[in-house]
């Protein structure tokens, strides 16, 4: 009698010989999964497909990296907008100078000493409208001199200056900073779209891996059923040989069939482990302590429900919502922004410039006689308060209004760059139309796959039922001696193939439905 591998010592008495008539949605844990968990003594995680998707969205490393894209794009947008942030600068200085007296009106025959202290603050900003920019500067100072004829000594001063620049041609509608902001906004939108695309693709991957695991478990169950059938035939043949109604050669044939089915079961069990690892990589944190030990037990089985798909509506939805097409359209918008900037930069520079200033002066004001040398008659004090108010009350105003113009002679580099952008836009538009055609083709193809697979499910189901009836009839013929071991084993193999074919058709149908829904949102194939 043939000795079997220890691999199946646990299963032999607990795996029922059942026929897979249909596959429905259920919450019961598959018998094989319970046995495998018992054998491995590892932790158990029972998951529905929706649970697996939720875990992947939370823990998958690829998605964690993809989620950084919008954050990076947001920082780039903030950086672009910083060009319009007001800038405040402040300076403080002390000064001291000494020089020889060169005039009798300086009132000294030796050297002239001057000391000073000044503080200034400036606020400047490029405005996000029409290329305008302004600079507002306020300064105060105090100086003292050894010149006895100085009108103010010490001298206090305060000044307010306002400068405004307004482009009239180049830089009026668009400039580099505003183009950068618009580009960064489109890139932020692209990052959000690409994250949505990554989520859709990851969902499909998880759903497919979940179906693969269920399919691998069901194939193992079929392999075990075939093995049990082969073992049953072997036991019957051995019993017949013992009573002399069958030749020993039939036992050898039955033992060979058992060995073949045992090998198929070993391969099927390995496929379960491979499918489990594929799902594990999608839904688990790599830092999980029991990452390699936990057993994943699907709580859903393969559901078979005929669904009618509307290919025309799906094509319209895909053309409107597909993430790759949306990204292509955003990139076209960026190309338009760059072209508008280059067109504007080809215009002459004509800038309107406006400058205004007001100042106040104070300190110790000396009054001198009109004779020479002048005689100090009196002194009055004018403090910082009066000096400050003069600067803000339009005291001692000064105005300047002007135009600054510039135009390059000959062809500029921006004209060549603009021609390049035009060609790039034409190429992008052609690629977009080609992408729309590819999307339409892909949706139609997946729609056909849905229709084809539902027909496959129907015909493979009929084929399985016929194989079951043929095996039942062959078994009865064999029991009365009208059939051979070879014929019986052939019927058993036919039923095994029919079961696998129906199972694969159902899996392909479910996968095509998942793809049909997802392909309207993202490129999942």
Protein backbone atom coordinates (compact mmCIF):
# COMPACT_ATOMS: atom_id res chain seq x y z
CA UNK A 1 0.00 0.00 0.00
CA UNK A 2 1.32 3.45 -0.91
CA UNK A 3 2.56 5.69 1.96
CA UNK A 4 1.30 9.27 1.74
CA UNK A 5 3.18 12.43 2.64
CA UNK A 6 2.68 13.78 6.22
CA UNK A 7 1.38 16.95 4.53
CA UNK A 8 -2.08 15.42 4.31
CA UNK A 9 -2.15 13.42 7.54
CA UNK A 10 -4.21 16.11 9.26
CA UNK A 11 -6.66 16.63 6.43
CA UNK A 12 -7.56 13.12 5.47
CA UNK A 13 -10.37 12.55 7.92
CA UNK A 14 -11.80 16.05 8.02
CA UNK A 15 -12.13 17.15 4.39
CA UNK A 16 -15.58 16.27 3.12
CA UNK A 17 -16.08 15.02 -0.43
CA UNK A 18 -18.42 17.74 -1.70
CA UNK A 19 -19.35 19.08 -5.10
CA UNK A 20 -18.98 22.84 -5.68
CA UNK A 21 -22.37 23.51 -7.21
CA UNK A 22 -22.16 27.31 -6.86
CA UNK A 23 -20.20 30.06 -5.12
CA UNK A 24 -22.17 32.51 -2.95
CA UNK A 25 -21.40 35.31 -0.52
CA UNK A 26 -21.02 34.07 3.04
CA UNK A 27 -19.35 34.87 6.33
CA UNK A 28 -18.35 31.32 7.27
CA UNK A 29 -14.63 30.56 7.43
CA UNK A 30 -13.60 27.97 4.81
CA UNK A 31 -12.88 24.51 6.26
CA UNK A 32 -9.39 24.39 4.79
CA UNK A 33 -8.49 27.75 6.34
CA UNK A 34 -9.57 26.54 9.79
CA UNK A 35 -7.45 23.41 9.41
CA UNK A 36 -4.41 25.33 8.18
CA UNK A 37 -4.63 27.71 11.11
CA UNK A 38 -4.91 24.79 13.51
CA UNK A 39 -1.88 23.18 11.96
CA UNK A 40 0.28 26.30 11.99
CA UNK A 41 -0.85 27.53 15.43
CA UNK A 42 -0.41 31.11 14.17
CA UNK A 43 -2.57 34.17 14.87
CA UNK A 44 -5.72 34.43 12.79
CA UNK A 45 -7.07 37.49 10.99
CA UNK A 46 -10.50 37.04 9.42
CA UNK A 47 -11.07 39.68 6.76
CA UNK A 48 -13.80 40.72 4.40
CA UNK A 49 -12.83 42.38 1.14
CA UNK A 50 -13.92 45.79 2.45
CA UNK A 51 -11.80 45.27 5.60
CA UNK A 52 -8.79 44.47 3.44
CA UNK A 53 -9.33 47.64 1.39
CA UNK A 54 -9.56 49.77 4.56
CA UNK A 55 -6.35 48.28 5.94
CA UNK A 56 -4.52 48.90 2.67
CA UNK A 57 -5.62 52.54 2.56
CA UNK A 58 -4.29 52.99 6.09
CA UNK A 59 -1.12 50.90 6.10
CA UNK A 60 0.16 50.43 2.56
CA UNK A 61 3.62 51.94 2.16
CA UNK A 62 3.04 52.91 -1.45
CA UNK A 63 -0.03 54.94 -0.53
CA UNK A 64 1.81 56.56 2.37
CA UNK A 65 4.42 57.76 -0.09
CA UNK A 66 1.73 58.90 -2.54
CA UNK A 67 0.03 60.95 0.18
CA UNK A 68 3.18 63.06 0.47
CA UNK A 69 2.62 64.31 -3.09
CA UNK A 70 -0.21 66.77 -2.23
CA UNK A 71 1.71 67.96 0.84
CA UNK A 72 4.81 68.65 -1.28
CA UNK A 73 2.67 70.41 -3.91
CA UNK A 74 1.03 72.52 -1.17
CA UNK A 75 4.44 73.65 0.07
CA UNK A 76 5.47 74.52 -3.48
CA UNK A 77 2.28 76.56 -3.83
CA UNK A 78 3.02 78.37 -0.56
CA UNK A 79 6.53 79.06 -1.82
CA UNK A 80 5.17 80.54 -5.06
CA UNK A 81 2.70 82.73 -3.16
CA UNK A 82 5.48 83.99 -0.91
CA UNK A 83 6.55 86.25 -3.79
CA UNK A 84 3.61 88.48 -2.78
CA UNK A 85 4.40 88.49 0.93
CA UNK A 86 5.29 91.94 2.32
CA UNK A 87 8.93 92.31 3.31
CA UNK A 88 9.96 94.40 6.31
CA UNK A 89 13.53 95.57 6.73
CA UNK A 90 15.07 97.78 9.40
CA UNK A 91 18.51 99.36 9.59
CA UNK A 92 20.35 101.17 12.39
CA UNK A 93 23.56 103.14 12.00
CA UNK A 94 25.87 105.47 13.87
CA UNK A 95 28.33 107.78 12.11
CA UNK A 96 31.20 110.03 13.05
CA UNK A 97 33.40 112.17 10.84
CA UNK A 98 36.13 114.71 11.26
CA UNK A 99 37.56 116.93 8.55
CA UNK A 100 39.61 120.09 8.26
CA UNK A 101 37.72 123.36 8.13
CA UNK A 102 37.88 124.81 4.62
CA UNK A 103 35.62 127.87 4.91
CA UNK A 104 35.40 130.89 7.18
CA UNK A 105 31.66 130.34 7.25
CA UNK A 106 32.18 127.11 9.18
CA UNK A 107 33.09 129.18 12.22
CA UNK A 108 36.20 127.26 13.17
CA UNK A 109 39.87 127.41 12.19
CA UNK A 110 40.65 123.79 13.04
CA UNK A 111 38.56 120.74 12.23
CA UNK A 112 34.87 120.15 11.83
CA UNK A 113 33.36 117.16 13.71
CA UNK A 114 29.99 115.59 12.91
CA UNK A 115 28.25 112.66 14.64
CA UNK A 116 24.97 111.06 13.70
CA UNK A 117 22.45 108.35 14.56
CA UNK A 118 19.82 107.08 12.13
CA UNK A 119 17.11 104.38 12.06
CA UNK A 120 15.06 103.43 9.01
CA UNK A 121 12.32 100.86 8.31
CA UNK A 122 11.10 99.79 4.90
CA UNK A 123 8.02 97.80 3.85
CA UNK A 124 7.96 96.56 0.27
CA UNK A 125 5.60 94.25 -1.56
CA UNK A 126 4.89 92.94 -5.01
CA UNK A 127 1.13 92.95 -5.36
CA UNK A 128 -0.72 90.01 -6.94
CA UNK A 129 -2.70 92.37 -9.18
CA UNK A 130 -1.52 93.85 -12.48
CA UNK A 131 2.17 93.53 -11.59
CA UNK A 132 2.08 96.49 -9.17
CA UNK A 133 4.77 96.94 -6.52
CA UNK A 134 5.30 99.49 -3.79
CA UNK A 135 7.93 100.48 -1.26
CA UNK A 136 7.22 102.53 1.86
CA UNK A 137 10.19 103.84 3.84
CA UNK A 138 10.28 105.77 7.09
CA UNK A 139 13.45 107.07 8.65
CA UNK A 140 14.47 109.16 11.66
CA UNK A 141 17.85 110.54 12.61
CA UNK A 142 19.81 112.80 14.90
CA UNK A 143 23.07 114.56 14.02
CA UNK A 144 25.34 116.96 15.85
CA UNK A 145 28.17 119.12 14.49
CA UNK A 146 30.93 121.34 15.90
CA UNK A 147 30.03 124.09 13.42
CA UNK A 148 28.90 127.04 15.61
CA UNK A 149 26.91 128.56 12.74
CA UNK A 150 24.73 125.47 12.12
CA UNK A 151 21.03 126.41 11.84
CA UNK A 152 20.02 123.26 13.76
CA UNK A 153 22.40 121.71 16.24
CA UNK A 154 21.67 119.02 17.17
CA UNK A 155 19.43 118.27 14.18
CA UNK A 156 16.44 115.93 14.31
CA UNK A 157 14.94 114.70 11.06
CA UNK A 158 12.15 112.40 9.95
CA UNK A 159 11.15 111.34 6.45
CA UNK A 160 8.49 109.29 4.70
CA UNK A 161 9.01 108.00 1.14
CA UNK A 162 6.53 106.07 -0.99
CA UNK A 163 7.43 104.55 -4.33
CA UNK A 164 4.95 102.80 -6.66
CA UNK A 165 5.74 100.95 -9.89
CA UNK A 166 3.00 99.91 -12.32
CA UNK A 167 3.72 98.00 -15.56
CA UNK A 168 1.56 99.15 -18.47
CA UNK A 169 2.51 96.51 -21.08
CA UNK A 170 4.98 93.78 -20.14
CA UNK A 171 4.06 92.43 -16.75
CA UNK A 172 0.56 93.94 -16.69
CA UNK A 173 -1.60 90.85 -17.38
CA UNK A 174 0.89 88.26 -16.22
CA UNK A 175 4.39 88.13 -14.84
CA UNK A 176 6.73 85.42 -13.61
CA UNK A 177 5.47 85.41 -10.03
CA UNK A 178 1.79 85.18 -10.98
CA UNK A 179 2.57 82.50 -13.57
CA UNK A 180 4.43 80.53 -10.90
CA UNK A 181 1.42 80.68 -8.58
CA UNK A 182 -0.96 79.52 -11.32
CA UNK A 183 1.42 76.70 -12.25
CA UNK A 184 1.77 75.65 -8.61
CA UNK A 185 -2.03 75.62 -8.26
CA UNK A 186 -2.30 73.29 -11.26
CA UNK A 187 0.47 71.09 -9.86
CA UNK A 188 -1.37 70.91 -6.54
CA UNK A 189 -4.49 69.81 -8.40
CA UNK A 190 -2.42 67.22 -10.30
CA UNK A 191 -1.03 65.88 -7.01
CA UNK A 192 -4.56 65.46 -5.63
CA UNK A 193 -5.69 63.71 -8.81
CA UNK A 194 -2.67 61.40 -8.77
CA UNK A 195 -3.40 60.50 -5.15
CA UNK A 196 -6.98 59.65 -6.09
CA UNK A 197 -5.60 57.56 -8.94
CA UNK A 198 -3.23 55.73 -6.59
CA UNK A 199 -6.13 54.98 -4.22
CA UNK A 200 -8.26 53.55 -7.04
CA UNK A 201 -5.38 51.41 -8.32
CA UNK A 202 -4.58 50.18 -4.82
CA UNK A 203 -8.21 49.24 -4.24
CA UNK A 204 -8.21 47.19 -7.43
CA UNK A 205 -4.95 45.51 -6.43
CA UNK A 206 -6.35 44.58 -3.03
CA UNK A 207 -9.61 43.30 -4.50
CA UNK A 208 -7.72 41.25 -7.07
CA UNK A 209 -5.36 39.84 -4.43
CA UNK A 210 -8.33 39.00 -2.20
CA UNK A 211 -10.03 37.16 -5.08
CA UNK A 212 -6.78 35.37 -5.85
CA UNK A 213 -6.54 34.16 -2.26
CA UNK A 214 -10.13 32.90 -2.28
CA UNK A 215 -9.53 31.24 -5.64
CA UNK A 216 -6.33 29.58 -4.38
CA UNK A 217 -8.18 28.24 -1.33
CA UNK A 218 -11.03 26.93 -3.49
CA UNK A 219 -8.55 25.27 -5.87
CA UNK A 220 -6.90 23.61 -2.90
CA UNK A 221 -10.30 22.35 -1.78
CA UNK A 222 -10.87 20.89 -5.25
CA UNK A 223 -7.40 19.30 -5.19
CA UNK A 224 -8.16 17.79 -1.77
CA UNK A 225 -11.50 16.49 -3.00
CA UNK A 226 -9.78 14.88 -5.98
CA UNK A 227 -7.19 13.38 -3.66
CA UNK A 228 -9.90 11.95 -1.42
CA UNK A 229 -11.69 10.50 -4.46
CA UNK A 230 -8.44 8.91 -5.59
CA UNK A 231 -7.88 7.52 -2.08
CA UNK A 232 -11.42 6.14 -2.03
CA UNK A 233 -10.84 4.44 -5.38
CA UNK A 234 -7.58 3.01 -4.06
CA UNK A 235 -9.33 1.61 -1.00
CA UNK A 236 -12.07 0.05 -3.15
CA UNK A 237 -9.55 -1.49 -5.51
CA UNK A 238 -7.57 -2.91 -2.63
CA UNK A 239 -10.74 -4.44 -1.22
CA UNK A 240 -11.57 -6.01 -4.59
CA UNK A 241 -8.08 -7.39 -4.99
CA UNK A 242 -8.35 -8.99 -1.55
CA UNK A 243 -11.56 -10.83 -2.53
CA UNK A 244 -10.16 -11.71 -5.93
CA UNK A 245 -12.50 -9.66 -8.12
CA UNK A 246 -9.81 -7.29 -9.44
CA UNK A 247 -6.27 -7.66 -10.71
CA UNK A 248 -3.41 -6.17 -8.62
CA UNK A 249 -2.44 -3.94 -11.56
CA UNK A 250 -5.55 -1.87 -10.87
CA UNK A 251 -4.21 -1.08 -7.40
CA UNK A 252 -0.97 0.19 -8.92
CA UNK A 253 -2.94 2.44 -11.28
CA UNK A 254 -4.96 3.77 -8.33
CA UNK A 255 -1.78 4.42 -6.33
CA UNK A 256 -0.32 6.36 -9.25
CA UNK A 257 -3.50 8.46 -9.42
CA UNK A 258 -3.25 9.16 -5.67
CA UNK A 259 0.37 10.30 -6.08
CA UNK A 260 -0.58 12.59 -8.98
CA UNK A 261 -3.42 14.15 -6.98
CA UNK A 262 -1.23 14.53 -3.93
CA UNK A 263 1.30 16.48 -6.02
CA UNK A 264 -1.51 18.71 -7.29
CA UNK A 265 -2.59 19.37 -3.71
CA UNK A 266 0.96 20.29 -2.70
CA UNK A 267 1.15 22.80 -5.57
CA UNK A 268 -2.28 24.18 -4.67
CA UNK A 269 -1.26 24.65 -1.03
CA UNK A 270 1.84 26.54 -2.13
CA UNK A 271 -0.38 28.76 -4.31
CA UNK A 272 -2.48 29.59 -1.22
CA UNK A 273 0.64 30.74 0.65
CA UNK A 274 1.78 32.81 -2.33
CA UNK A 275 -1.64 34.49 -2.67
CA UNK A 276 -1.71 35.14 1.06
CA UNK A 277 1.70 36.83 0.96
CA UNK A 278 0.61 39.00 -1.98
CA UNK A 279 -2.39 40.23 0.01
CA UNK A 280 -0.25 40.59 3.14
CA UNK A 281 2.13 42.95 1.35
CA UNK A 282 -0.79 45.19 0.35
CA UNK A 283 -2.62 45.50 3.68
CA UNK A 284 -0.07 45.12 6.50
CA UNK A 285 2.44 47.49 8.04
CA UNK A 286 5.90 45.96 7.52
CA UNK A 287 6.69 46.82 11.15
CA UNK A 288 3.88 44.58 12.39
CA UNK A 289 5.36 42.05 14.84
CA UNK A 290 3.44 39.07 13.42
CA UNK A 291 3.74 40.21 9.82
CA UNK A 292 4.85 36.79 8.51
CA UNK A 293 3.01 34.65 11.06
CA UNK A 294 -0.58 35.87 10.94
CA UNK A 295 -2.96 33.76 8.86
CA UNK A 296 -5.33 35.72 6.63
CA UNK A 297 -8.74 34.06 6.46
CA UNK A 298 -11.14 35.52 3.87
CA UNK A 299 -14.65 35.78 5.27
CA UNK A 300 -16.20 36.37 1.82
CA UNK A 301 -16.59 33.75 -0.84
CA UNK A 302 -16.78 34.37 -4.54
CA UNK A 303 -20.13 35.90 -5.35
CA UNK A 304 -21.84 35.12 -8.63
CA UNK A 305 -24.39 37.71 -9.70
CA UNK A 306 -25.14 38.52 -13.30
CA UNK A 307 -24.77 42.27 -13.89
CA UNK A 308 -25.68 44.28 -16.97
CA UNK A 309 -23.13 46.94 -17.88
CA UNK A 310 -23.79 50.09 -19.91
CA UNK A 311 -20.68 50.53 -22.03
CA UNK A 312 -21.77 53.85 -23.59
CA UNK A 313 -22.42 55.42 -20.19
CA UNK A 314 -19.13 54.03 -18.92
CA UNK A 315 -17.23 55.58 -21.84
CA UNK A 316 -18.80 58.97 -21.16
CA UNK A 317 -17.96 58.69 -17.46
CA UNK A 318 -14.38 57.66 -18.22
CA UNK A 319 -13.81 60.56 -20.64
CA UNK A 320 -15.12 62.97 -18.02
CA UNK A 321 -13.55 61.50 -14.88
CA UNK A 322 -10.43 59.51 -15.76
CA UNK A 323 -7.53 60.70 -13.64
CA UNK A 324 -4.92 60.35 -16.38
CA UNK A 325 -7.01 62.50 -18.74
CA UNK A 326 -7.56 65.05 -15.97
CA UNK A 327 -3.80 65.24 -15.38
CA UNK A 328 -3.19 65.71 -19.12
CA UNK A 329 -5.70 68.58 -19.19
CA UNK A 330 -4.02 70.25 -16.19
CA UNK A 331 -0.66 69.98 -17.91
CA UNK A 332 -2.16 71.62 -20.98
CA UNK A 333 -3.30 74.47 -18.74
CA UNK A 334 0.27 74.83 -17.46
CA UNK A 335 1.50 75.02 -21.04
CA UNK A 336 -1.06 77.78 -21.73
CA UNK A 337 0.17 79.68 -18.66
CA UNK A 338 3.76 79.51 -19.88
CA UNK A 339 2.72 80.62 -23.38
CA UNK A 340 0.82 83.61 -21.98
CA UNK A 341 3.87 84.57 -19.93
CA UNK A 342 6.15 84.36 -22.96
CA UNK A 343 3.74 86.42 -25.09
CA UNK A 344 3.67 89.08 -22.41
CA UNK A 345 7.46 89.09 -22.10
CA UNK A 346 7.71 89.88 -25.81
CA UNK A 347 5.94 93.20 -25.20
CA UNK A 348 7.94 96.41 -24.61
CA UNK A 349 8.62 97.41 -21.03
CA UNK A 350 6.59 100.51 -20.19
CA UNK A 351 6.45 101.14 -16.43
CA UNK A 352 4.71 104.02 -14.67
CA UNK A 353 6.73 105.13 -11.65
CA UNK A 354 5.41 107.36 -8.87
CA UNK A 355 7.50 108.61 -5.95
CA UNK A 356 6.37 110.77 -3.06
CA UNK A 357 8.21 111.98 0.02
CA UNK A 358 7.58 114.27 2.99
CA UNK A 359 10.02 115.28 5.71
CA UNK A 360 10.31 117.11 8.97
CA UNK A 361 13.26 118.79 10.65
CA UNK A 362 13.78 119.82 14.25
CA UNK A 363 16.16 119.91 17.16
CA UNK A 364 17.81 123.02 18.64
CA UNK A 365 17.09 125.84 16.20
CA UNK A 366 19.55 128.77 16.39
CA UNK A 367 18.70 132.33 15.34
CA UNK A 368 21.68 134.43 14.18
CA UNK A 369 22.13 138.11 13.41
CA UNK A 370 22.44 139.24 9.81
CA UNK A 371 25.96 140.67 10.21
CA UNK A 372 29.24 138.91 9.86
CA UNK A 373 30.34 137.14 11.78
CA UNK A 374 26.76 136.18 12.75
CA UNK A 375 25.90 136.44 16.39
CA UNK A 376 23.68 133.89 18.10
CA UNK A 377 20.55 135.71 19.14
CA UNK A 378 18.35 132.93 20.49
CA UNK A 379 17.67 129.19 20.45
CA UNK A 380 14.38 127.30 20.38
CA UNK A 381 13.68 123.57 20.79
CA UNK A 382 11.63 121.54 18.34
CA UNK A 383 11.27 117.96 19.56
CA UNK A 384 10.81 114.60 17.89
CA UNK A 385 7.01 114.78 18.18
CA UNK A 386 6.81 117.76 15.86
CA UNK A 387 9.40 116.24 13.53
CA UNK A 388 7.44 112.97 13.28
CA UNK A 389 4.14 114.71 12.60
CA UNK A 390 5.68 116.77 9.80
CA UNK A 391 6.52 113.58 7.90
CA UNK A 392 2.88 112.41 8.03
CA UNK A 393 1.25 115.82 7.43
CA UNK A 394 2.59 116.36 3.92
CA UNK A 395 5.25 118.82 5.14
CA UNK A 396 7.97 119.58 2.63
CA UNK A 397 6.42 117.29 -0.02
CA UNK A 398 8.22 116.09 -3.12
CA UNK A 399 6.62 114.31 -6.12
CA UNK A 400 8.08 112.48 -9.06
CA UNK A 401 6.10 110.83 -11.89
CA UNK A 402 7.80 109.18 -14.82
CA UNK A 403 7.81 106.41 -17.43
CA UNK A 404 10.56 103.83 -17.90
CA UNK A 405 10.63 102.17 -21.32
CA UNK A 406 12.70 99.38 -22.83
CA UNK A 407 12.47 97.28 -26.00
CA UNK A 408 15.00 94.75 -27.32
CA UNK A 409 16.45 95.25 -30.77
CA UNK A 410 16.26 92.07 -32.83
CA UNK A 411 14.67 88.72 -32.06
CA UNK A 412 14.65 87.90 -28.37
CA UNK A 413 15.08 84.48 -26.77
CA UNK A 414 11.49 84.59 -25.53
CA UNK A 415 10.21 84.51 -29.12
CA UNK A 416 12.06 81.25 -29.75
CA UNK A 417 10.82 79.86 -26.42
CA UNK A 418 7.25 80.80 -27.36
CA UNK A 419 7.54 78.94 -30.65
CA UNK A 420 8.77 75.89 -28.76
CA UNK A 421 5.81 76.06 -26.35
CA UNK A 422 3.39 76.23 -29.28
CA UNK A 423 4.79 72.99 -30.66
CA UNK A 424 4.71 71.38 -27.23
CA UNK A 425 1.06 72.33 -26.86
CA UNK A 426 0.20 70.81 -30.24
CA UNK A 427 1.91 67.59 -29.18
CA UNK A 428 0.09 67.58 -25.83
CA UNK A 429 -3.27 68.09 -27.53
CA UNK A 430 -2.58 65.20 -29.91
CA UNK A 431 -1.53 63.01 -26.98
CA UNK A 432 -4.72 63.95 -25.13
CA UNK A 433 -6.89 62.94 -28.08
CA UNK A 434 -4.92 59.71 -28.37
CA UNK A 435 -5.41 59.12 -24.64
CA UNK A 436 -9.17 59.62 -25.00
CA UNK A 437 -9.20 57.08 -27.83
CA UNK A 438 -7.24 54.60 -25.73
CA UNK A 439 -9.62 55.10 -22.80
CA UNK A 440 -12.62 54.47 -25.04
CA UNK A 441 -11.00 51.33 -26.43
CA UNK A 442 -10.08 50.06 -22.98
CA UNK A 443 -13.61 50.57 -21.60
CA UNK A 444 -15.13 48.77 -24.58
CA UNK A 445 -12.64 45.93 -24.17
CA UNK A 446 -13.41 45.47 -20.47
CA UNK A 447 -17.14 45.66 -21.23
CA UNK A 448 -16.69 42.80 -23.69
CA UNK A 449 -14.75 40.87 -21.08
CA UNK A 450 -17.67 41.21 -18.64
CA UNK A 451 -20.08 39.84 -21.27
CA UNK A 452 -17.67 37.07 -22.26
CA UNK A 453 -16.99 36.01 -18.70
CA UNK A 454 -20.66 35.76 -17.74
CA UNK A 455 -21.14 33.44 -20.70
CA UNK A 456 -18.10 31.44 -19.58
CA UNK A 457 -19.64 31.08 -16.13
CA UNK A 458 -22.84 29.74 -17.66
CA UNK A 459 -21.19 27.19 -19.94
CA UNK A 460 -18.61 26.04 -17.38
CA UNK A 461 -21.43 25.55 -14.87
CA UNK A 462 -23.25 23.33 -17.34
CA UNK A 463 -20.04 21.46 -18.11
CA UNK A 464 -19.43 20.86 -14.40
CA UNK A 465 -22.96 19.51 -13.88
CA UNK A 466 -22.50 17.12 -16.80
CA UNK A 467 -19.11 16.02 -15.46
CA UNK A 468 -20.74 15.31 -12.08
CA UNK A 469 -23.44 13.18 -13.69
CA UNK A 470 -20.88 11.36 -15.84
CA UNK A 471 -18.73 10.59 -12.79
CA UNK A 472 -21.76 9.36 -10.87
CA UNK A 473 -22.77 7.08 -13.75
CA UNK A 474 -19.19 5.84 -14.20
CA UNK A 475 -18.98 5.08 -10.47
CA UNK A 476 -22.13 2.97 -10.65
CA UNK A 477 -20.82 1.12 -13.73
CA UNK A 478 -17.53 0.53 -11.96
CA UNK A 479 -19.27 -0.93 -8.92
CA UNK A 480 -21.03 -3.53 -11.08
CA UNK A 481 -17.90 -4.29 -13.09
CA UNK A 482 -18.89 -2.53 -16.31
CA UNK A 483 -16.06 0.05 -16.15
CA UNK A 484 -12.34 0.10 -15.52
CA UNK A 485 -10.18 2.01 -13.07
CA UNK A 486 -8.74 4.06 -15.92
CA UNK A 487 -12.22 5.12 -17.10
CA UNK A 488 -13.24 6.04 -13.56
CA UNK A 489 -10.09 8.10 -13.02
CA UNK A 490 -10.63 9.86 -16.34
CA UNK A 491 -14.10 10.92 -15.21
CA UNK A 492 -12.65 12.13 -11.93
CA UNK A 493 -10.08 14.23 -13.76
CA UNK A 494 -12.81 15.59 -16.04
CA UNK A 495 -14.81 16.73 -13.02
CA UNK A 496 -11.72 18.31 -11.45
CA UNK A 497 -11.03 20.29 -14.61
CA UNK A 498 -14.71 21.32 -14.84
CA UNK A 499 -14.66 22.56 -11.25
CA UNK A 500 -11.46 24.54 -11.81
CA UNK A 501 -12.79 25.97 -15.09
CA UNK A 502 -16.00 27.15 -13.43
CA UNK A 503 -14.09 28.61 -10.51
CA UNK A 504 -11.69 30.46 -12.83
CA UNK A 505 -14.60 31.77 -14.92
CA UNK A 506 -16.32 33.15 -11.82
CA UNK A 507 -13.07 34.75 -10.60
CA UNK A 508 -12.45 36.29 -14.03
CA UNK A 509 -16.02 37.58 -14.09
CA UNK A 510 -15.70 39.21 -10.68
CA UNK A 511 -12.33 40.68 -11.64
CA UNK A 512 -13.72 42.06 -14.91
CA UNK A 513 -16.57 43.75 -12.99
CA UNK A 514 -14.06 45.33 -10.61
CA UNK A 515 -11.93 46.49 -13.55
CA UNK A 516 -14.98 47.82 -15.42
CA UNK A 517 -15.91 50.05 -12.49
CA UNK A 518 -12.36 51.18 -11.78
CA UNK A 519 -11.32 51.83 -15.39
CA UNK A 520 -13.86 54.66 -15.55
CA UNK A 521 -11.80 56.45 -12.88
CA UNK A 522 -8.16 55.48 -13.37
CA UNK A 523 -5.84 53.50 -15.67
CA UNK A 524 -5.97 50.19 -13.79
CA UNK A 525 -4.83 47.82 -16.54
